[in-house]
Protein backbone atom coordinates (compact mmCIF):
# COMPACT_ATOMS: atom_id res chain seq x y z
CA MET A 1 0.00 0.00 0.00
CA ASN A 2 1.78 3.12 -1.25
CA LEU A 3 1.16 6.79 -0.45
CA LYS A 4 -0.77 7.44 -3.67
CA TYR A 5 -3.17 4.59 -2.90
CA ILE A 6 -3.73 5.96 0.61
CA ILE A 7 -4.41 9.49 -0.65
CA ASN A 8 -6.63 8.46 -3.56
CA ASN A 9 -8.77 6.26 -1.33
CA GLY A 10 -9.10 8.93 1.33
CA PHE A 11 -7.55 7.00 4.20
CA TYR A 12 -5.93 10.21 5.42
CA ILE A 13 -9.24 12.06 5.74
CA PRO A 14 -10.26 10.84 9.25
CA LEU A 15 -6.97 12.16 10.62
CA ILE A 16 -7.61 15.62 9.22
CA THR A 17 -11.27 15.77 10.22
CA TYR A 18 -10.45 14.51 13.71
CA TYR A 19 -7.83 17.23 14.11
CA PHE A 20 -10.32 19.97 13.22
CA PHE A 21 -13.59 18.45 14.47
CA GLY A 22 -12.53 15.92 17.10
CA HIS A 23 -14.41 17.96 19.70
CA SER A 24 -17.70 16.93 18.08
CA TYR A 25 -18.38 13.40 16.89
CA VAL A 26 -21.27 14.74 14.79
CA LEU A 27 -19.11 17.20 12.86
CA PHE A 28 -16.35 14.61 12.64
CA TYR A 29 -18.76 12.10 11.09
CA ILE A 30 -20.35 14.54 8.66
CA THR A 31 -17.07 15.98 7.36
CA THR A 32 -15.39 12.59 7.13
CA CYS A 33 -18.16 11.01 5.04
CA LYS A 34 -18.57 14.11 2.86
CA LEU A 35 -14.86 14.52 2.16
CA PHE A 36 -14.38 10.81 1.55
CA ILE A 37 -16.84 10.64 -1.33
CA THR A 38 -15.68 14.00 -2.71
CA ASN A 39 -12.09 12.78 -2.64
CA HIS A 40 -13.20 9.57 -4.37
CA TYR A 41 -14.72 11.30 -7.39
CA ILE A 42 -11.79 13.68 -7.72
CA SER A 43 -9.14 10.97 -7.41
CA PHE A 44 -10.84 8.42 -9.66
CA ALA A 45 -12.53 10.73 -12.19
CA LYS A 46 -10.55 9.06 -14.99
CA PHE A 47 -12.47 5.83 -14.47
CA TYR A 48 -15.86 7.43 -15.12
CA ASP A 49 -17.22 8.46 -18.49
CA ASN A 50 -18.60 11.74 -17.21
CA LYS A 51 -16.71 15.02 -17.43
CA TYR A 52 -18.84 16.42 -14.60
CA ILE A 53 -18.07 13.55 -12.23
CA TYR A 54 -16.17 15.91 -9.93
CA PHE A 55 -19.54 17.32 -8.83
CA LYS A 56 -21.24 13.94 -8.32
CA SER A 57 -20.75 14.09 -4.57
CA PHE A 58 -23.22 16.99 -4.41
CA VAL A 59 -25.94 15.49 -6.59
CA ARG A 60 -27.46 12.54 -4.74
CA LEU A 61 -30.25 12.83 -2.17
CA THR A 62 -27.83 11.23 0.29
CA ASP A 63 -25.54 14.24 -0.13
CA THR A 64 -28.33 16.58 0.96
CA GLY A 65 -28.55 14.47 4.10
CA HIS A 66 -25.19 15.86 5.19
CA ILE A 67 -26.62 19.36 4.87
CA ALA A 68 -29.69 18.37 6.89
CA SER A 69 -27.46 16.91 9.62
CA LEU A 70 -25.37 20.08 9.69
CA ILE A 71 -28.44 22.31 10.00
CA TYR A 72 -29.73 20.14 12.86
CA TYR A 73 -26.36 20.35 14.62
CA TYR A 74 -26.58 24.13 14.79
CA ASN A 75 -30.37 24.29 15.13
CA PRO A 76 -31.98 21.43 17.12
CA HIS A 77 -35.44 22.63 16.02
CA PHE A 78 -34.59 21.15 12.62
CA LEU A 79 -34.45 17.58 13.99
CA PRO A 80 -37.82 16.37 12.59
CA ILE A 81 -36.96 17.41 9.05
CA ALA A 82 -33.43 16.02 9.31
CA PHE A 83 -34.84 12.75 10.64
CA ASN A 84 -37.40 12.52 7.82
CA ILE A 85 -34.75 13.19 5.18
CA HIS A 86 -32.42 10.53 6.56
CA PHE A 87 -35.34 8.15 7.02
CA VAL A 88 -36.21 8.25 3.31
CA ILE A 89 -32.50 8.15 2.39
CA SER A 90 -31.84 5.07 4.52
CA PHE A 91 -35.03 3.05 4.12
CA GLY A 92 -35.43 4.09 0.51
CA TYR A 93 -31.93 2.83 -0.17
CA TRP A 94 -32.23 -0.52 1.61
CA ILE A 95 -35.72 -1.29 0.32
CA THR A 96 -34.72 -0.67 -3.30
CA TYR A 97 -31.40 -2.45 -2.70
CA PHE A 98 -33.01 -5.69 -1.53
CA LEU A 99 -36.26 -5.61 -3.50
CA PHE A 100 -35.29 -3.94 -6.77
CA ASP A 101 -31.57 -4.68 -7.05
CA LEU A 102 -30.48 -1.06 -6.66
CA LYS A 103 -26.94 -0.59 -7.98
CA ASP A 104 -24.41 2.20 -7.92
CA MET A 105 -24.20 3.55 -11.47
CA ASP A 106 -20.58 4.60 -10.85
CA ASN A 107 -19.33 1.28 -9.58
CA SER A 108 -15.86 1.11 -11.11
CA GLN A 109 -14.05 -2.15 -10.36
CA SER A 110 -10.55 -0.74 -10.75
CA ILE A 111 -8.04 -2.37 -8.43
CA GLN A 112 -6.92 1.14 -7.49
CA ILE A 113 -10.22 1.66 -5.69
CA ASN A 114 -10.66 0.15 -2.25
CA GLN A 115 -14.14 -1.32 -2.61
CA LEU A 116 -14.41 -2.21 1.07
CA ALA A 117 -13.88 1.39 2.16
CA CYS A 118 -16.52 2.57 -0.33
CA ARG A 119 -18.97 -0.06 0.92
CA ILE A 120 -18.39 0.91 4.55
CA ILE A 121 -18.96 4.62 3.91
CA SER A 122 -22.09 3.84 1.91
CA ASN A 123 -23.47 1.66 4.71
CA PHE A 124 -22.64 4.36 7.26
CA ASN A 125 -24.46 7.02 5.24
CA HIS A 126 -27.56 4.83 5.03
CA SER A 127 -27.76 3.79 8.67
CA ILE A 128 -25.92 5.86 11.29
CA PRO A 129 -27.58 9.28 10.79
CA VAL A 130 -31.16 8.00 10.95
CA CYS A 131 -30.40 5.88 14.03
CA TYR A 132 -28.68 8.80 15.75
CA LEU A 133 -31.54 11.19 15.00
CA PHE A 134 -34.11 8.65 16.13
CA TYR A 135 -32.28 8.39 19.45
CA LYS A 136 -32.06 12.17 19.80
CA ASN A 137 -35.75 12.44 18.97
CA LEU A 138 -36.61 10.25 21.94
CA TYR A 139 -34.68 12.24 24.49
CA LEU A 140 -34.61 15.79 23.16
CA ASP A 141 -36.84 18.26 24.98
CA LYS A 142 -40.21 18.21 23.19
CA SER A 143 -40.50 21.96 23.73
CA ILE A 144 -37.57 22.26 21.32
CA THR A 145 -38.80 19.99 18.56
CA TYR A 146 -41.83 17.94 17.61
CA PHE A 147 -43.27 16.25 14.54
CA ASP A 148 -46.42 17.55 12.89
CA THR A 149 -47.97 18.13 9.47
CA TYR A 150 -45.63 21.03 8.81
CA THR A 151 -42.50 18.93 9.34
CA LEU A 152 -43.90 16.51 6.76
CA TYR A 153 -44.60 19.31 4.29
CA TYR A 154 -41.13 20.80 4.70
CA SER A 155 -39.55 17.37 4.29
CA LEU A 156 -41.49 16.74 1.10
CA LEU A 157 -40.51 20.20 -0.12
CA TRP A 158 -36.86 19.38 0.59
CA CYS A 159 -37.02 16.19 -1.49
CA TYR A 160 -38.93 17.74 -4.37
CA PHE A 161 -36.58 20.71 -4.43
CA TRP A 162 -33.70 18.25 -4.76
CA PHE A 163 -35.49 16.27 -7.47
CA ILE A 164 -36.47 19.30 -9.56
CA PHE A 165 -33.51 21.63 -9.13
CA ILE A 166 -30.59 19.24 -8.59
CA TYR A 167 -31.36 15.75 -9.88
CA THR A 168 -33.30 16.73 -13.02
CA PRO A 169 -30.73 19.26 -14.36
CA TRP A 170 -27.95 16.75 -13.63
CA ARG A 171 -29.84 14.04 -15.52
CA PHE A 172 -30.34 16.26 -18.59
CA LEU A 173 -26.79 17.58 -18.49
CA THR A 174 -24.96 14.26 -18.05
CA SER A 175 -27.52 11.53 -18.92
CA ASP A 176 -26.48 9.99 -15.61
CA PRO A 177 -29.52 8.46 -13.86
CA VAL A 178 -27.57 8.32 -10.56
CA TYR A 179 -29.74 5.43 -9.37
CA SER A 180 -30.22 2.21 -11.33
CA VAL A 181 -33.96 2.28 -10.58
CA PHE A 182 -34.15 5.43 -12.73
CA SER A 183 -31.98 4.14 -15.57
CA ASN A 184 -33.13 4.43 -19.18
CA ASP A 185 -33.79 0.70 -19.45
CA LYS A 186 -36.45 0.88 -16.74
CA PRO A 187 -40.07 1.49 -17.78
CA PHE A 188 -41.44 4.91 -16.87
CA CYS A 189 -44.17 3.31 -14.78
CA PHE A 190 -41.53 1.55 -12.68
CA SER A 191 -39.59 4.77 -12.05
CA PHE A 192 -42.85 6.53 -11.21
CA PHE A 193 -43.65 3.74 -8.75
CA ILE A 194 -40.27 4.30 -7.06
CA VAL A 195 -41.07 8.02 -6.68
CA ILE A 196 -44.42 7.15 -5.10
CA LEU A 197 -42.68 4.63 -2.84
CA MET A 198 -40.25 7.29 -1.64
CA ASN A 199 -43.18 9.56 -0.78
CA ILE A 200 -44.79 6.78 1.23
CA ILE A 201 -41.54 6.09 3.08
CA LEU A 202 -41.18 9.78 3.93
CA ILE A 203 -44.75 9.99 5.22
CA PHE A 204 -44.17 6.87 7.29
CA GLY A 205 -40.95 8.36 8.67
CA ASN A 206 -42.81 11.43 9.91
CA PHE A 207 -45.39 9.12 11.50
CA ILE A 208 -42.65 7.13 13.24
CA GLY A 209 -41.22 10.38 14.59
CA GLN A 210 -44.61 11.39 15.95
CA ILE A 211 -45.51 8.05 17.49
CA SER A 212 -42.09 7.56 19.10
CA GLN A 213 -42.31 10.98 20.77
CA SER A 214 -45.86 10.48 22.05
CA THR A 215 -45.19 6.93 23.25
CA LEU A 216 -42.13 7.96 25.27
CA TYR A 217 -44.05 10.94 26.67
CA GLU A 218 -46.86 8.65 27.85
CA LEU A 219 -44.39 6.21 29.43
CA GLU A 220 -42.57 9.01 31.24
CA ASN A 221 -45.82 10.34 32.67
CA LYS A 222 -47.07 6.85 33.56
CA TYR A 223 -44.00 5.84 35.51
């Protein structure tokens, strides 16, 4: 393992992010995951047939999850929306992964790329944030944050803003579907079904947030 391999695969990134953000495990996590994938597309751009690949780390819905986490970190009132966003990111990913064979459209098999590191970061992005926010939702003061119809509306607005103003222009500009479930070989009705499914998952996430808060509140008052 030489120095170029270490740098290209981003193994140095946790050391840097820990130095600057070691005082906060949340900031450390966010910056590490964000910089890792950004470093990946910059270092291995030559393996992808897309001249805009350098910007790919800002295009996926998962990438907006880092922004949602950052907003929550500085403004705890944002927790319901951040939770909803990560809920649809995580459960949307795993449901389509297991049921509809979701694949990464940029899955280069070059031996220069450490596939295990990429897999670990991907799994982290689709599990840790939603679990952390669910935990915080249970024990954060309900006078600070709570789930309601408005948190659902704002979460839907977030996702549709991403779809219309980020995903759609990227798709037209690069012909990159980002997700295999939206690839050109999939029928339109199937892709439309996936969009509807994501809406259902988001609505269910907001419901989970509501019911978990109310259930804990009732248990606290009962005992």
